[in-house]
Amino acid sequence: MVKILVFLGNPTREYALTRHNVGWMVADHLYPDLAWKEKHKGLFAQTEILKLLKPLTYMNESGRSVRAACDFYHVAVDELLVVHDDLELDFGTIRLQKGGGLQGHNGLKSLKQHLCSDQFIRLRIGIGRPKHGSVSSFVLQRFTKEEEIALPLLFKLIKDMLLDCNSNLPATKTLV
C-alpha cells in the first residue's frame, strides 16, 4: 500500500512550468489546498491517508529528500509512489508500474542510489522526445500552447489512475 507520494521537480521559479516539473505541477493541481511545510529536505504535506513530498534538493539529488522521509516515517521502498516526467512516453500518455528502467532520468537515478532499490511504484507522465535539439534543453522548456491546454485533462486522468494505484499495476492511459 502506498504511504508516500513523491512528486519530482526542481524547486526554483524558473523551472516551475517546465516539462521536467510536471511532477510538481500534478501535486499543485491535485492538492491545491494543503499546507505544504519544509521538512525532510522538501515540501511536505499530509492527507488523512497519505504523506506527500516535493523534494527541494533539485531533480538530480531528489533521493536525499526521499530517503530522509522514508527513514523518518519507516516507509519501505515499495510503499512509495513517485510521479515524474518521462521522455519515452508521448505527451498525453501516463503509465503506472513498479520498478523498471531509469531511462537516463537523473531524479530516478538519485532515488535508486539513495534507496538502494528501484522497486518503488512510478507514475510516468509522458512528455515525448524532442524532434531535434538536446534532451536537457527540451525537458527544461515549457510545454507548447497545445500541451498546456491539454494539461487539465491529463491531470484528471492522473487523478483517476492514482485512485486505483494499489490495485491496478501495471496500467497505461492516454489522452484521446
Protein backbone atom coordinates (compact mmCIF):
# COMPACT_ATOMS: atom_id res chain seq x y z
CA MET A 1 0.00 0.00 0.00
CA VAL A 2 1.31 3.46 -0.93
CA LYS A 3 2.24 5.60 2.07
CA ILE A 4 4.21 8.47 0.48
CA LEU A 5 3.53 10.19 -2.84
CA VAL A 6 6.70 11.83 -4.19
CA PHE A 7 6.44 14.50 -6.87
CA LEU A 8 9.72 15.10 -8.72
CA GLY A 9 10.68 18.56 -9.94
CA ASN A 10 13.03 21.47 -9.44
CA PRO A 11 12.35 24.00 -6.69
CA THR A 12 13.03 27.37 -8.30
CA ARG A 13 10.54 29.61 -10.08
CA GLU A 14 12.44 29.46 -13.38
CA TYR A 15 11.59 25.73 -13.71
CA ALA A 16 8.02 25.92 -12.40
CA LEU A 17 6.16 25.32 -15.66
CA THR A 18 8.71 23.18 -17.50
CA ARG A 19 8.28 19.60 -18.68
CA HIS A 20 10.75 18.36 -16.05
CA ASN A 21 8.49 19.85 -13.35
CA VAL A 22 5.31 18.08 -14.37
CA GLY A 23 5.50 16.07 -11.12
CA TRP A 24 5.27 19.26 -9.06
CA MET A 25 2.53 20.54 -11.36
CA VAL A 26 0.49 17.41 -10.60
CA ALA A 27 0.92 17.97 -6.84
CA ASP A 28 -0.15 21.60 -7.13
CA HIS A 29 -3.18 20.67 -9.25
CA LEU A 30 -4.38 17.71 -7.16
CA TYR A 31 -3.64 19.18 -3.72
CA PRO A 32 -4.07 22.98 -4.03
CA ASP A 33 -5.49 23.47 -0.54
CA LEU A 34 -2.95 21.57 1.53
CA ALA A 35 -0.50 23.38 3.79
CA TRP A 36 2.96 22.46 2.48
CA LYS A 37 5.77 22.85 5.03
CA GLU A 38 9.53 22.48 4.71
CA LYS A 39 10.51 19.11 6.08
CA HIS A 40 12.76 16.23 5.00
CA LYS A 41 14.69 18.47 2.57
CA GLY A 42 11.44 19.09 0.73
CA LEU A 43 7.95 20.49 0.86
CA PHE A 44 5.79 18.12 2.88
CA ALA A 45 2.02 17.82 3.28
CA GLN A 46 -0.35 15.20 4.54
CA THR A 47 -3.87 13.95 3.81
CA GLU A 48 -5.84 11.58 6.02
CA ILE A 49 -4.20 8.58 4.36
CA LEU A 50 -1.10 9.80 2.50
CA LYS A 51 2.07 11.75 3.07
CA LEU A 52 3.14 13.96 0.15
CA LEU A 53 6.66 15.15 -0.69
CA LYS A 54 8.08 17.59 -3.23
CA PRO A 55 11.88 17.39 -2.83
CA LEU A 56 13.65 20.77 -2.63
CA THR A 57 17.02 19.26 -3.49
CA TYR A 58 16.76 19.74 -7.27
CA MET A 59 15.94 16.83 -9.51
CA ASN A 60 19.41 15.28 -9.56
CA GLU A 61 19.52 15.00 -5.74
CA SER A 62 15.89 14.01 -5.09
CA GLY A 63 16.97 10.77 -3.44
CA ARG A 64 18.36 12.62 -0.39
CA SER A 65 14.96 14.11 0.41
CA VAL A 66 13.03 10.91 -0.26
CA ARG A 67 15.45 8.87 1.85
CA ALA A 68 15.06 11.32 4.75
CA ALA A 69 11.25 10.99 4.63
CA CYS A 70 11.36 7.18 4.31
CA ASP A 71 13.72 6.89 7.26
CA PHE A 72 11.67 9.24 9.44
CA TYR A 73 8.33 7.51 8.75
CA HIS A 74 9.71 3.96 8.43
CA VAL A 75 8.38 3.62 4.88
CA ALA A 76 9.65 0.80 2.67
CA VAL A 77 10.68 1.42 -0.94
CA ASP A 78 7.65 -0.47 -2.27
CA GLU A 79 5.36 1.88 -0.29
CA LEU A 80 6.49 4.89 -2.36
CA LEU A 81 4.78 6.21 -5.46
CA VAL A 82 6.96 8.58 -7.48
CA VAL A 83 5.34 10.94 -10.00
CA HIS A 84 7.77 12.06 -12.73
CA ASP A 85 8.21 13.16 -16.33
CA ASP A 86 9.17 10.55 -18.93
CA LEU A 87 10.77 11.17 -22.33
CA GLU A 88 10.00 7.64 -23.53
CA LEU A 89 6.23 8.18 -23.45
CA ASP A 90 4.42 10.53 -25.80
CA PHE A 91 2.76 13.58 -24.31
CA GLY A 92 -0.67 12.57 -23.04
CA THR A 93 0.35 9.04 -22.05
CA ILE A 94 0.72 8.03 -18.42
CA ARG A 95 1.90 4.68 -17.12
CA LEU A 96 1.74 3.25 -13.62
CA GLN A 97 4.23 0.49 -12.85
CA LYS A 98 6.51 -0.91 -10.19
CA GLY A 99 10.24 -0.66 -10.84
CA GLY A 100 11.52 -0.57 -14.38
CA GLY A 101 14.39 1.07 -16.16
CA LEU A 102 15.51 4.57 -15.29
CA GLN A 103 15.75 5.72 -18.93
CA GLY A 104 18.51 8.19 -18.09
CA HIS A 105 16.29 10.15 -15.68
CA ASN A 106 18.65 11.72 -13.13
CA GLY A 107 15.95 12.11 -10.48
CA LEU A 108 15.19 8.39 -10.64
CA LYS A 109 18.91 7.58 -10.61
CA SER A 110 19.25 9.59 -7.40
CA LEU A 111 16.33 7.73 -5.83
CA LYS A 112 17.84 4.37 -6.75
CA GLN A 113 21.23 5.44 -5.36
CA HIS A 114 19.86 6.69 -2.02
CA LEU A 115 17.20 4.00 -1.56
CA CYS A 116 19.44 1.15 -2.84
CA SER A 117 16.49 -0.05 -4.93
CA ASP A 118 14.37 0.88 -7.93
CA GLN A 119 11.33 -1.11 -6.76
CA PHE A 120 9.18 1.92 -5.98
CA ILE A 121 5.92 2.47 -7.84
CA ARG A 122 6.23 5.02 -10.62
CA LEU A 123 3.65 7.18 -12.31
CA ARG A 124 5.38 8.04 -15.56
CA ILE A 125 3.99 11.12 -17.30
CA GLY A 126 4.86 11.26 -20.97
CA ILE A 127 6.46 14.45 -22.22
CA GLY A 128 7.72 12.97 -25.51
CA ARG A 129 11.17 13.32 -27.04
CA PRO A 130 12.45 16.37 -28.90
CA LYS A 131 12.37 16.04 -32.67
CA HIS A 132 15.69 17.87 -32.75
CA GLY A 133 17.97 19.54 -30.21
CA SER A 134 19.23 18.34 -26.87
CA VAL A 135 17.18 16.40 -24.36
CA SER A 136 18.46 18.53 -21.47
CA SER A 137 17.19 21.71 -23.16
CA PHE A 138 13.87 20.07 -24.05
CA VAL A 139 12.99 18.95 -20.51
CA LEU A 140 13.70 22.45 -19.18
CA GLN A 141 11.38 24.10 -21.72
CA ARG A 142 7.75 24.96 -21.11
CA PHE A 143 5.04 22.85 -22.66
CA THR A 144 3.70 24.02 -26.02
CA LYS A 145 0.46 26.02 -26.01
CA GLU A 146 -1.44 22.95 -27.26
CA GLU A 147 0.05 20.82 -24.47
CA GLU A 148 -0.76 23.47 -21.84
CA ILE A 149 -4.39 23.41 -22.98
CA ALA A 150 -4.44 19.61 -22.56
CA LEU A 151 -2.79 19.58 -19.10
CA PRO A 152 -6.05 19.86 -17.07
CA LEU A 153 -7.41 16.78 -18.86
CA LEU A 154 -4.14 14.98 -18.25
CA PHE A 155 -4.27 15.87 -14.55
CA LYS A 156 -7.79 14.39 -14.35
CA LEU A 157 -6.51 11.18 -15.96
CA ILE A 158 -3.67 11.11 -13.43
CA LYS A 159 -6.06 11.65 -10.52
CA ASP A 160 -8.22 8.74 -11.69
CA MET A 161 -5.18 6.50 -12.04
CA LEU A 162 -3.86 7.43 -8.59
CA LEU A 163 -7.19 6.49 -7.01
CA ASP A 164 -6.68 2.96 -8.36
CA CYS A 165 -2.92 2.73 -7.79
CA ASN A 166 -2.95 -0.01 -5.15
CA SER A 167 -4.96 -2.48 -7.20
CA ASN A 168 -4.17 -1.80 -10.81
CA LEU A 169 -0.50 -2.37 -11.72
CA PRO A 170 0.72 -2.00 -14.38
CA ALA A 171 -1.63 0.38 -16.16
CA THR A 172 -1.41 2.77 -19.10
CA LYS A 173 -3.80 5.55 -20.11
CA THR A 174 -3.65 8.02 -22.98
CA LEU A 175 -5.50 11.24 -23.74
CA VAL A 176 -7.63 10.75 -26.84
